[in-house]
Amino acid sequence: MHTTFSVLSDLAAAAPLPIAAPKSINQVIASITGWVMGIIALVATMFLVIGGLRYMAAGGDPAQVEQAKGNVKSALVGYALAVLAPVILQVLQGILGG
């Protein structure tokens, strides 16, 4: 009869944990690029939705319409940054000598 400890030690011996190899600067920057683009696109989408909702709820109020337009403009800037993120990170990679 196996005890809990012996079962756990058998499992640990059977399936060693993989040790992650150190990544090159190129792999790190590629990974960062994906995350940065995703986060910026998510925030830009949030601003676009908020701008659209504000515009629909403005009811003709010029101040609310201007706020909504500002949100939509911020969303467009965010999308532009998301598209330019790989270029910016490539420049960073060139500076770091990767």
N, C-alpha and C. Protein backbone atom coordinates (compact mmCIF):
# COMPACT_ATOMS: atom_id res chain seq x y z
N MET A 1 0.84 -1.17 0.00
CA MET A 1 0.00 0.00 0.00
C MET A 1 0.89 1.24 0.00
N HIS A 2 0.60 2.14 -0.94
CA HIS A 2 1.39 3.37 -1.05
C HIS A 2 0.84 4.42 -0.10
N THR A 3 1.74 5.14 0.49
CA THR A 3 1.32 6.29 1.28
C THR A 3 1.25 7.49 0.35
N THR A 4 0.66 8.55 0.84
CA THR A 4 0.53 9.75 0.02
C THR A 4 1.90 10.27 -0.36
N PHE A 5 2.83 10.23 0.56
CA PHE A 5 4.17 10.73 0.29
C PHE A 5 4.85 9.93 -0.81
N SER A 6 4.72 8.61 -0.78
CA SER A 6 5.39 7.80 -1.79
C SER A 6 4.74 7.99 -3.17
N VAL A 7 3.43 8.21 -3.21
CA VAL A 7 2.76 8.46 -4.49
C VAL A 7 3.25 9.78 -5.07
N LEU A 8 3.35 10.81 -4.23
CA LEU A 8 3.83 12.10 -4.71
C LEU A 8 5.28 12.03 -5.16
N SER A 9 6.10 11.29 -4.43
CA SER A 9 7.50 11.18 -4.83
C SER A 9 7.63 10.38 -6.13
N ASP A 10 6.77 9.37 -6.32
CA ASP A 10 6.77 8.62 -7.57
C ASP A 10 6.38 9.53 -8.75
N LEU A 11 5.37 10.38 -8.53
CA LEU A 11 4.95 11.31 -9.59
C LEU A 11 6.05 12.32 -9.90
N ALA A 12 6.71 12.81 -8.88
CA ALA A 12 7.78 13.78 -9.09
C ALA A 12 8.93 13.16 -9.86
N ALA A 13 9.23 11.91 -9.58
CA ALA A 13 10.33 11.24 -10.28
C ALA A 13 9.94 10.91 -11.72
N ALA A 14 8.67 10.63 -11.96
CA ALA A 14 8.22 10.23 -13.29
C ALA A 14 8.12 11.41 -14.24
N ALA A 15 7.77 12.58 -13.73
CA ALA A 15 7.55 13.75 -14.59
C ALA A 15 8.39 14.93 -14.10
N PRO A 16 9.65 14.98 -14.49
CA PRO A 16 10.47 16.12 -14.05
C PRO A 16 9.96 17.41 -14.67
N LEU A 17 10.08 18.49 -13.92
CA LEU A 17 9.63 19.79 -14.40
C LEU A 17 10.59 20.29 -15.48
N PRO A 18 10.05 20.78 -16.59
CA PRO A 18 10.94 21.31 -17.62
C PRO A 18 11.56 22.62 -17.15
N ILE A 19 12.82 22.77 -17.41
CA ILE A 19 13.51 24.00 -17.03
C ILE A 19 13.56 24.87 -18.28
N ALA A 20 13.04 26.09 -18.14
CA ALA A 20 12.98 26.99 -19.29
C ALA A 20 14.38 27.48 -19.62
N ALA A 21 14.71 27.39 -20.88
CA ALA A 21 16.00 27.88 -21.34
C ALA A 21 15.96 29.40 -21.39
N PRO A 22 17.07 30.04 -21.16
CA PRO A 22 17.09 31.50 -21.26
C PRO A 22 16.73 31.93 -22.67
N LYS A 23 15.92 32.96 -22.76
CA LYS A 23 15.48 33.43 -24.07
C LYS A 23 16.45 34.48 -24.60
N SER A 24 16.53 34.55 -25.90
CA SER A 24 17.35 35.59 -26.51
C SER A 24 16.57 36.90 -26.47
N ILE A 25 17.28 37.99 -26.70
CA ILE A 25 16.63 39.30 -26.69
C ILE A 25 15.58 39.38 -27.79
N ASN A 26 15.80 38.69 -28.90
CA ASN A 26 14.82 38.69 -30.00
C ASN A 26 13.52 38.02 -29.56
N GLN A 27 13.63 36.90 -28.85
CA GLN A 27 12.43 36.21 -28.38
C GLN A 27 11.68 37.03 -27.34
N VAL A 28 12.43 37.69 -26.46
CA VAL A 28 11.80 38.52 -25.43
C VAL A 28 11.06 39.68 -26.08
N ILE A 29 11.69 40.34 -27.03
CA ILE A 29 11.06 41.49 -27.70
C ILE A 29 9.86 41.04 -28.52
N ALA A 30 9.92 39.89 -29.15
CA ALA A 30 8.77 39.37 -29.90
C ALA A 30 7.61 39.09 -28.96
N SER A 31 7.91 38.55 -27.80
CA SER A 31 6.86 38.28 -26.82
C SER A 31 6.25 39.58 -26.29
N ILE A 32 7.10 40.54 -26.01
CA ILE A 32 6.62 41.84 -25.53
C ILE A 32 5.77 42.52 -26.59
N THR A 33 6.16 42.40 -27.85
CA THR A 33 5.40 43.02 -28.95
C THR A 33 3.97 42.51 -28.97
N GLY A 34 3.80 41.22 -28.86
CA GLY A 34 2.45 40.66 -28.85
C GLY A 34 1.61 41.16 -27.69
N TRP A 35 2.21 41.18 -26.51
CA TRP A 35 1.47 41.66 -25.33
C TRP A 35 1.13 43.14 -25.45
N VAL A 36 2.09 43.94 -25.87
CA VAL A 36 1.85 45.39 -25.98
C VAL A 36 0.75 45.68 -27.00
N MET A 37 0.82 45.03 -28.14
CA MET A 37 -0.20 45.25 -29.18
C MET A 37 -1.58 44.85 -28.67
N GLY A 38 -1.66 43.74 -27.98
CA GLY A 38 -2.94 43.27 -27.45
C GLY A 38 -3.53 44.21 -26.41
N ILE A 39 -2.69 44.66 -25.48
CA ILE A 39 -3.17 45.54 -24.42
C ILE A 39 -3.61 46.89 -24.99
N ILE A 40 -2.80 47.44 -25.89
CA ILE A 40 -3.16 48.74 -26.48
C ILE A 40 -4.44 48.62 -27.30
N ALA A 41 -4.58 47.55 -28.06
CA ALA A 41 -5.80 47.37 -28.86
C ALA A 41 -7.01 47.19 -27.95
N LEU A 42 -6.85 46.50 -26.84
CA LEU A 42 -7.95 46.32 -25.89
C LEU A 42 -8.39 47.66 -25.29
N VAL A 43 -7.43 48.46 -24.88
CA VAL A 43 -7.76 49.77 -24.30
C VAL A 43 -8.38 50.67 -25.36
N ALA A 44 -7.86 50.63 -26.59
CA ALA A 44 -8.43 51.45 -27.66
C ALA A 44 -9.86 51.03 -27.96
N THR A 45 -10.13 49.75 -27.94
CA THR A 45 -11.49 49.27 -28.16
C THR A 45 -12.42 49.75 -27.06
N MET A 46 -11.91 49.74 -25.83
CA MET A 46 -12.71 50.22 -24.71
C MET A 46 -13.06 51.70 -24.91
N PHE A 47 -12.08 52.52 -25.32
CA PHE A 47 -12.35 53.94 -25.57
C PHE A 47 -13.33 54.12 -26.72
N LEU A 48 -13.24 53.29 -27.74
CA LEU A 48 -14.17 53.39 -28.86
C LEU A 48 -15.60 53.07 -28.41
N VAL A 49 -15.75 52.05 -27.61
CA VAL A 49 -17.08 51.69 -27.10
C VAL A 49 -17.63 52.79 -26.20
N ILE A 50 -16.80 53.30 -25.31
CA ILE A 50 -17.24 54.38 -24.41
C ILE A 50 -17.63 55.61 -25.22
N GLY A 51 -16.83 55.93 -26.23
CA GLY A 51 -17.15 57.08 -27.08
C GLY A 51 -18.47 56.90 -27.81
N GLY A 52 -18.69 55.71 -28.32
CA GLY A 52 -19.95 55.43 -29.01
C GLY A 52 -21.14 55.52 -28.07
N LEU A 53 -21.00 54.96 -26.88
CA LEU A 53 -22.09 55.03 -25.90
C LEU A 53 -22.36 56.47 -25.47
N ARG A 54 -21.29 57.24 -25.27
CA ARG A 54 -21.48 58.66 -24.89
C ARG A 54 -22.17 59.43 -26.01
N TYR A 55 -21.79 59.11 -27.25
CA TYR A 55 -22.40 59.82 -28.38
C TYR A 55 -23.89 59.50 -28.48
N MET A 56 -24.23 58.24 -28.27
CA MET A 56 -25.65 57.86 -28.32
C MET A 56 -26.43 58.46 -27.16
N ALA A 57 -25.79 58.60 -26.00
CA ALA A 57 -26.49 59.12 -24.82
C ALA A 57 -26.43 60.64 -24.72
N ALA A 58 -25.73 61.30 -25.65
CA ALA A 58 -25.54 62.75 -25.56
C ALA A 58 -26.86 63.51 -25.69
N GLY A 59 -27.76 63.01 -26.47
CA GLY A 59 -29.05 63.68 -26.62
C GLY A 59 -28.93 65.07 -27.20
N GLY A 60 -27.93 65.33 -28.03
CA GLY A 60 -27.78 66.63 -28.65
C GLY A 60 -27.00 67.63 -27.82
N ASP A 61 -26.57 67.27 -26.61
CA ASP A 61 -25.79 68.16 -25.77
C ASP A 61 -24.38 68.31 -26.37
N PRO A 62 -24.03 69.53 -26.78
CA PRO A 62 -22.75 69.73 -27.47
C PRO A 62 -21.53 69.32 -26.61
N ALA A 63 -21.58 69.54 -25.31
CA ALA A 63 -20.46 69.17 -24.44
C ALA A 63 -20.28 67.65 -24.41
N GLN A 64 -21.39 66.91 -24.34
CA GLN A 64 -21.32 65.45 -24.32
C GLN A 64 -20.84 64.90 -25.67
N VAL A 65 -21.28 65.55 -26.75
CA VAL A 65 -20.85 65.13 -28.09
C VAL A 65 -19.35 65.32 -28.24
N GLU A 66 -18.82 66.44 -27.74
CA GLU A 66 -17.39 66.70 -27.80
C GLU A 66 -16.60 65.68 -26.98
N GLN A 67 -17.12 65.31 -25.82
CA GLN A 67 -16.47 64.27 -25.01
C GLN A 67 -16.45 62.95 -25.76
N ALA A 68 -17.54 62.63 -26.40
CA ALA A 68 -17.61 61.39 -27.16
C ALA A 68 -16.61 61.40 -28.31
N LYS A 69 -16.51 62.54 -29.00
CA LYS A 69 -15.54 62.65 -30.09
C LYS A 69 -14.11 62.51 -29.56
N GLY A 70 -13.87 63.06 -28.38
CA GLY A 70 -12.54 62.92 -27.77
C GLY A 70 -12.21 61.46 -27.47
N ASN A 71 -13.21 60.70 -27.01
CA ASN A 71 -12.99 59.28 -26.76
C ASN A 71 -12.69 58.52 -28.04
N VAL A 72 -13.41 58.86 -29.10
CA VAL A 72 -13.19 58.18 -30.38
C VAL A 72 -11.80 58.54 -30.92
N LYS A 73 -11.39 59.81 -30.78
CA LYS A 73 -10.05 60.20 -31.22
C LYS A 73 -8.98 59.46 -30.41
N SER A 74 -9.19 59.31 -29.12
CA SER A 74 -8.24 58.56 -28.28
C SER A 74 -8.16 57.11 -28.73
N ALA A 75 -9.30 56.54 -29.12
CA ALA A 75 -9.30 55.16 -29.61
C ALA A 75 -8.49 55.05 -30.90
N LEU A 76 -8.64 56.02 -31.79
CA LEU A 76 -7.88 55.98 -33.04
C LEU A 76 -6.39 56.11 -32.78
N VAL A 77 -6.00 56.95 -31.83
CA VAL A 77 -4.58 57.06 -31.46
C VAL A 77 -4.09 55.74 -30.89
N GLY A 78 -4.92 55.10 -30.07
CA GLY A 78 -4.56 53.81 -29.50
C GLY A 78 -4.36 52.74 -30.56
N TYR A 79 -5.25 52.70 -31.54
CA TYR A 79 -5.09 51.74 -32.64
C TYR A 79 -3.82 52.02 -33.43
N ALA A 80 -3.51 53.30 -33.64
CA ALA A 80 -2.27 53.65 -34.35
C ALA A 80 -1.05 53.18 -33.57
N LEU A 81 -1.08 53.36 -32.24
CA LEU A 81 0.02 52.88 -31.41
C LEU A 81 0.15 51.36 -31.45
N ALA A 82 -0.98 50.68 -31.47
CA ALA A 82 -0.94 49.22 -31.53
C ALA A 82 -0.31 48.75 -32.84
N VAL A 83 -0.60 49.47 -33.92
CA VAL A 83 -0.02 49.11 -35.21
C VAL A 83 1.47 49.44 -35.24
N LEU A 84 1.85 50.54 -34.57
CA LEU A 84 3.25 50.96 -34.59
C LEU A 84 4.10 50.27 -33.52
N ALA A 85 3.50 49.53 -32.61
CA ALA A 85 4.25 48.88 -31.53
C ALA A 85 5.39 48.00 -32.05
N PRO A 86 5.17 47.19 -33.08
CA PRO A 86 6.31 46.38 -33.57
C PRO A 86 7.46 47.23 -34.09
N VAL A 87 7.14 48.35 -34.73
CA VAL A 87 8.18 49.23 -35.24
C VAL A 87 8.97 49.84 -34.08
N ILE A 88 8.25 50.30 -33.06
CA ILE A 88 8.90 50.91 -31.90
C ILE A 88 9.79 49.88 -31.21
N LEU A 89 9.31 48.66 -31.06
CA LEU A 89 10.11 47.64 -30.40
C LEU A 89 11.28 47.18 -31.27
N GLN A 90 11.16 47.25 -32.59
CA GLN A 90 12.29 46.94 -33.47
C GLN A 90 13.39 47.99 -33.28
N VAL A 91 12.99 49.25 -33.15
CA VAL A 91 13.97 50.31 -32.91
C VAL A 91 14.66 50.06 -31.56
N LEU A 92 13.89 49.71 -30.56
CA LEU A 92 14.45 49.38 -29.25
C LEU A 92 15.42 48.21 -29.35
N GLN A 93 15.07 47.22 -30.13
CA GLN A 93 15.93 46.05 -30.32
C GLN A 93 17.24 46.49 -31.00
N GLY A 94 17.15 47.38 -31.96
CA GLY A 94 18.36 47.88 -32.63
C GLY A 94 19.26 48.65 -31.69
N ILE A 95 18.65 49.43 -30.80
CA ILE A 95 19.42 50.20 -29.83
C ILE A 95 20.13 49.28 -28.85
N LEU A 96 19.41 48.22 -28.42
CA LEU A 96 20.00 47.29 -27.45
C LEU A 96 21.00 46.34 -28.09
N GLY A 97 21.07 46.31 -29.40
CA GLY A 97 22.04 45.48 -30.08
C GLY A 97 21.60 44.05 -30.26
N GLY A 98 20.28 43.83 -30.35
CA GLY A 98 19.75 42.47 -30.51
C GLY A 98 19.76 42.10 -31.89
